[in-house]
Amino acid sequence: MCCVLSVYRQSQPDAELHDVLDASVDQLLITRLNEQLHEKDMKLTDVRLEALSSAHQLEQLRETLSRMKVKQWVTL
């Protein structure tokens, strides 16, 4: 009985250490996933800004083309 109790007492701190290590690994994983999420969010924001800029540029070109067509009709 003495030996069984001794093994139980040794395994209890090991289990607590294992829990602490698991929590640390989980926290590191969460931190890394948050970093990846932030990076992807920044890339998505860049793509959205580029799309907005392209849409604005396209609209300006359409307006310019429209004005040129009007001027062409007026001069005929």
C-alpha atoms as a PDB file:
ATOM      1  CA  MET A   1       0.000   0.000   0.000  1.00  0.00           C
ATOM      2  CA  CYS A   2       2.879   2.332   0.767  1.00  0.00           C
ATOM      3  CA  CYS A   3       4.239   2.011  -2.787  1.00  0.00           C
ATOM      4  CA  VAL A   4       0.853   2.596  -4.404  1.00  0.00           C
ATOM      5  CA  LEU A   5       0.326   5.751  -2.364  1.00  0.00           C
ATOM      6  CA  SER A   6       3.804   6.960  -3.308  1.00  0.00           C
ATOM      7  CA  VAL A   7       3.110   6.452  -7.047  1.00  0.00           C
ATOM      8  CA  TYR A   8      -0.203   8.289  -6.705  1.00  0.00           C
ATOM      9  CA  ARG A   9       1.500  11.238  -5.005  1.00  0.00           C
ATOM     10  CA  GLN A  10       4.125  11.444  -7.759  1.00  0.00           C
ATOM     11  CA  SER A  11       1.569  11.257 -10.554  1.00  0.00           C
ATOM     12  CA  GLN A  12      -0.569  14.037  -9.094  1.00  0.00           C
ATOM     13  CA  PRO A  13       2.083  16.769  -9.569  1.00  0.00           C
ATOM     14  CA  ASP A  14       2.847  15.297 -12.997  1.00  0.00           C
ATOM     15  CA  ALA A  15      -0.802  15.652 -13.939  1.00  0.00           C
ATOM     16  CA  GLU A  16      -0.833  19.255 -12.711  1.00  0.00           C
ATOM     17  CA  LEU A  17       2.344  19.972 -14.702  1.00  0.00           C
ATOM     18  CA  HIS A  18       0.728  18.380 -17.742  1.00  0.00           C
ATOM     19  CA  ASP A  19      -2.327  20.620 -17.295  1.00  0.00           C
ATOM     20  CA  VAL A  20      -0.129  23.708 -17.022  1.00  0.00           C
ATOM     21  CA  LEU A  21       1.823  22.711 -20.120  1.00  0.00           C
ATOM     22  CA  ASP A  22      -1.402  22.028 -22.024  1.00  0.00           C
ATOM     23  CA  ALA A  23      -2.704  25.460 -21.044  1.00  0.00           C
ATOM     24  CA  SER A  24       0.569  27.070 -22.192  1.00  0.00           C
ATOM     25  CA  VAL A  25       0.466  25.250 -25.513  1.00  0.00           C
ATOM     26  CA  ASP A  26      -3.177  26.231 -25.954  1.00  0.00           C
ATOM     27  CA  GLN A  27      -2.325  29.864 -25.225  1.00  0.00           C
ATOM     28  CA  LEU A  28       0.543  29.803 -27.725  1.00  0.00           C
ATOM     29  CA  LEU A  29      -1.742  28.275 -30.325  1.00  0.00           C
ATOM     30  CA  ILE A  30      -4.402  30.912 -29.688  1.00  0.00           C
ATOM     31  CA  THR A  31      -1.798  33.663 -29.954  1.00  0.00           C
ATOM     32  CA  ARG A  32      -0.487  32.275 -33.253  1.00  0.00           C
ATOM     33  CA  LEU A  33      -3.988  31.894 -34.656  1.00  0.00           C
ATOM     34  CA  ASN A  34      -4.797  35.482 -33.671  1.00  0.00           C
ATOM     35  CA  GLU A  35      -1.634  36.644 -35.443  1.00  0.00           C
ATOM     36  CA  GLN A  36      -2.623  34.721 -38.574  1.00  0.00           C
ATOM     37  CA  LEU A  37      -6.128  36.166 -38.402  1.00  0.00           C
ATOM     38  CA  HIS A  38      -4.706  39.681 -38.111  1.00  0.00           C
ATOM     39  CA  GLU A  39      -2.393  39.114 -41.103  1.00  0.00           C
ATOM     40  CA  LYS A  40      -5.245  37.792 -43.232  1.00  0.00           C
ATOM     41  CA  ASP A  41      -7.501  40.638 -42.129  1.00  0.00           C
ATOM     42  CA  MET A  42      -4.835  43.153 -43.170  1.00  0.00           C
ATOM     43  CA  LYS A  43      -4.479  41.454 -46.578  1.00  0.00           C
ATOM     44  CA  LEU A  44      -8.243  41.462 -47.022  1.00  0.00           C
ATOM     45  CA  THR A  45      -8.353  45.158 -46.165  1.00  0.00           C
ATOM     46  CA  ASP A  46      -5.629  45.843 -48.738  1.00  0.00           C
ATOM     47  CA  VAL A  47      -7.566  43.921 -51.400  1.00  0.00           C
ATOM     48  CA  ARG A  48     -10.765  45.803 -50.552  1.00  0.00           C
ATOM     49  CA  LEU A  49      -8.991  49.161 -50.750  1.00  0.00           C
ATOM     50  CA  GLU A  50      -7.456  48.212 -54.088  1.00  0.00           C
ATOM     51  CA  ALA A  51     -10.875  47.155 -55.408  1.00  0.00           C
ATOM     52  CA  LEU A  52     -12.399  50.437 -54.220  1.00  0.00           C
ATOM     53  CA  SER A  53      -9.616  52.407 -55.867  1.00  0.00           C
ATOM     54  CA  SER A  54     -10.032  50.463 -59.117  1.00  0.00           C
ATOM     55  CA  ALA A  55     -13.794  51.006 -59.084  1.00  0.00           C
ATOM     56  CA  HIS A  56     -13.272  54.748 -58.555  1.00  0.00           C
ATOM     57  CA  GLN A  57     -10.722  54.876 -61.368  1.00  0.00           C
ATOM     58  CA  LEU A  58     -13.104  52.999 -63.689  1.00  0.00           C
ATOM     59  CA  GLU A  59     -15.910  55.421 -62.860  1.00  0.00           C
ATOM     60  CA  GLN A  60     -13.644  58.381 -63.638  1.00  0.00           C
ATOM     61  CA  LEU A  61     -12.703  56.844 -66.987  1.00  0.00           C
ATOM     62  CA  ARG A  62     -16.368  56.269 -67.819  1.00  0.00           C
ATOM     63  CA  GLU A  63     -17.175  59.898 -66.992  1.00  0.00           C
ATOM     64  CA  THR A  64     -14.264  61.094 -69.128  1.00  0.00           C
ATOM     65  CA  LEU A  65     -15.378  58.909 -72.039  1.00  0.00           C
ATOM     66  CA  SER A  66     -18.935  60.189 -71.675  1.00  0.00           C
ATOM     67  CA  ARG A  67     -17.752  63.826 -71.737  1.00  0.00           C
ATOM     68  CA  MET A  68     -15.623  63.108 -74.807  1.00  0.00           C
ATOM     69  CA  LYS A  69     -18.629  61.584 -76.594  1.00  0.00           C
ATOM     70  CA  VAL A  70     -20.751  64.621 -75.736  1.00  0.00           C
ATOM     71  CA  LYS A  71     -18.059  66.973 -77.067  1.00  0.00           C
ATOM     72  CA  GLN A  72     -17.828  64.901 -80.236  1.00  0.00           C
ATOM     73  CA  TRP A  73     -21.584  65.146 -80.776  1.00  0.00           C
ATOM     74  CA  VAL A  74     -21.562  68.882 -80.132  1.00  0.00           C
ATOM     75  CA  THR A  75     -18.793  69.519 -82.680  1.00  0.00           C
ATOM     76  CA  LEU A  76     -20.565  67.538 -85.441  1.00  0.00           C
END
